[in-house]
């Protein structure tokens, strides 16, 4: 039930939100259970993480943490 507008509204309580993106499965088009929220101000983003981590949204516990950079993938040809 949670959509990008709801996530933006929740996170904007802690500061400016640049973008909100829920990740969907390419085949089933169902949510994969995570999203990315970009906030330009690091202090505001850390406050949102602190306040929203382990909170409840739409009846479900959410985990909010800083995104990790993607891991490098290696292509091997032989």
Protein backbone atom coordinates (compact mmCIF):
# COMPACT_ATOMS: atom_id res chain seq x y z
CA UNK A 1 0.00 0.00 0.00
CA UNK A 2 2.89 2.36 0.60
CA UNK A 3 3.71 4.45 -2.43
CA UNK A 4 6.37 7.03 -3.27
CA UNK A 5 4.16 9.96 -2.28
CA UNK A 6 3.65 8.51 1.21
CA UNK A 7 7.38 7.90 1.64
CA UNK A 8 8.18 11.43 0.51
CA UNK A 9 5.64 12.85 2.96
CA UNK A 10 7.07 10.82 5.87
CA UNK A 11 10.69 11.71 5.13
CA UNK A 12 9.94 15.37 4.41
CA UNK A 13 9.03 15.73 8.09
CA UNK A 14 12.81 15.65 8.67
CA UNK A 15 14.00 17.77 5.74
CA UNK A 16 14.04 18.28 2.01
CA UNK A 17 13.58 15.18 -0.16
CA UNK A 18 15.14 15.19 -3.65
CA UNK A 19 13.71 11.89 -4.86
CA UNK A 20 11.88 8.78 -3.76
CA UNK A 21 12.07 5.49 -5.66
CA UNK A 22 10.39 2.21 -4.72
CA UNK A 23 12.11 -0.76 -6.35
CA UNK A 24 9.83 -3.17 -8.22
CA UNK A 25 10.44 -6.66 -9.61
CA UNK A 26 10.78 -6.46 -13.39
CA UNK A 27 8.67 -9.55 -14.01
CA UNK A 28 5.96 -9.51 -11.34
CA UNK A 29 5.89 -5.70 -10.97
CA UNK A 30 5.50 -6.20 -7.21
CA UNK A 31 7.53 -4.18 -4.74
CA UNK A 32 10.81 -5.84 -3.78
CA UNK A 33 10.37 -4.42 -0.28
CA UNK A 34 12.80 -1.54 -0.39
CA UNK A 35 13.13 2.01 -1.64
CA UNK A 36 15.70 4.76 -2.03
CA UNK A 37 15.06 8.23 -0.64
CA UNK A 38 17.56 10.95 -1.53
CA UNK A 39 17.94 13.92 0.79
CA UNK A 40 20.44 16.69 -0.12
CA UNK A 41 21.22 17.68 3.47
CA UNK A 42 23.29 15.06 5.31
CA UNK A 43 22.27 16.27 8.78
CA UNK A 44 18.57 16.03 7.88
CA UNK A 45 19.10 12.60 6.33
CA UNK A 46 20.83 11.33 9.48
CA UNK A 47 17.97 12.68 11.61
CA UNK A 48 15.44 10.85 9.39
CA UNK A 49 17.44 7.63 9.74
CA UNK A 50 17.65 8.03 13.53
CA UNK A 51 13.95 8.77 13.97
CA UNK A 52 12.45 6.40 11.40
CA UNK A 53 14.62 3.29 11.78
CA UNK A 54 12.68 0.50 13.52
CA UNK A 55 9.48 2.53 13.30
CA UNK A 56 6.18 1.40 11.80
CA UNK A 57 4.71 2.43 8.46
CA UNK A 58 1.41 1.07 7.12
CA UNK A 59 1.42 -1.58 9.85
CA UNK A 60 4.92 -2.87 9.08
CA UNK A 61 8.22 -2.33 10.84
CA UNK A 62 10.67 -0.47 8.62
CA UNK A 63 14.45 -0.44 8.63
CA UNK A 64 16.01 2.83 7.51
CA UNK A 65 19.72 2.94 6.84
CA UNK A 66 22.19 4.74 4.64
CA UNK A 67 22.50 3.06 1.24
CA UNK A 68 25.77 1.34 0.53
CA UNK A 69 27.50 1.93 -2.78
CA UNK A 70 26.94 -0.93 -5.23
CA UNK A 71 29.48 -3.70 -5.04
CA UNK A 72 31.77 -4.07 -8.02
CA UNK A 73 30.89 -6.86 -10.38
CA UNK A 74 33.49 -8.66 -12.39
CA UNK A 75 32.98 -10.08 -15.82
CA UNK A 76 35.11 -13.07 -16.64
CA UNK A 77 35.50 -14.34 -20.17
CA UNK A 78 37.19 -17.60 -21.08
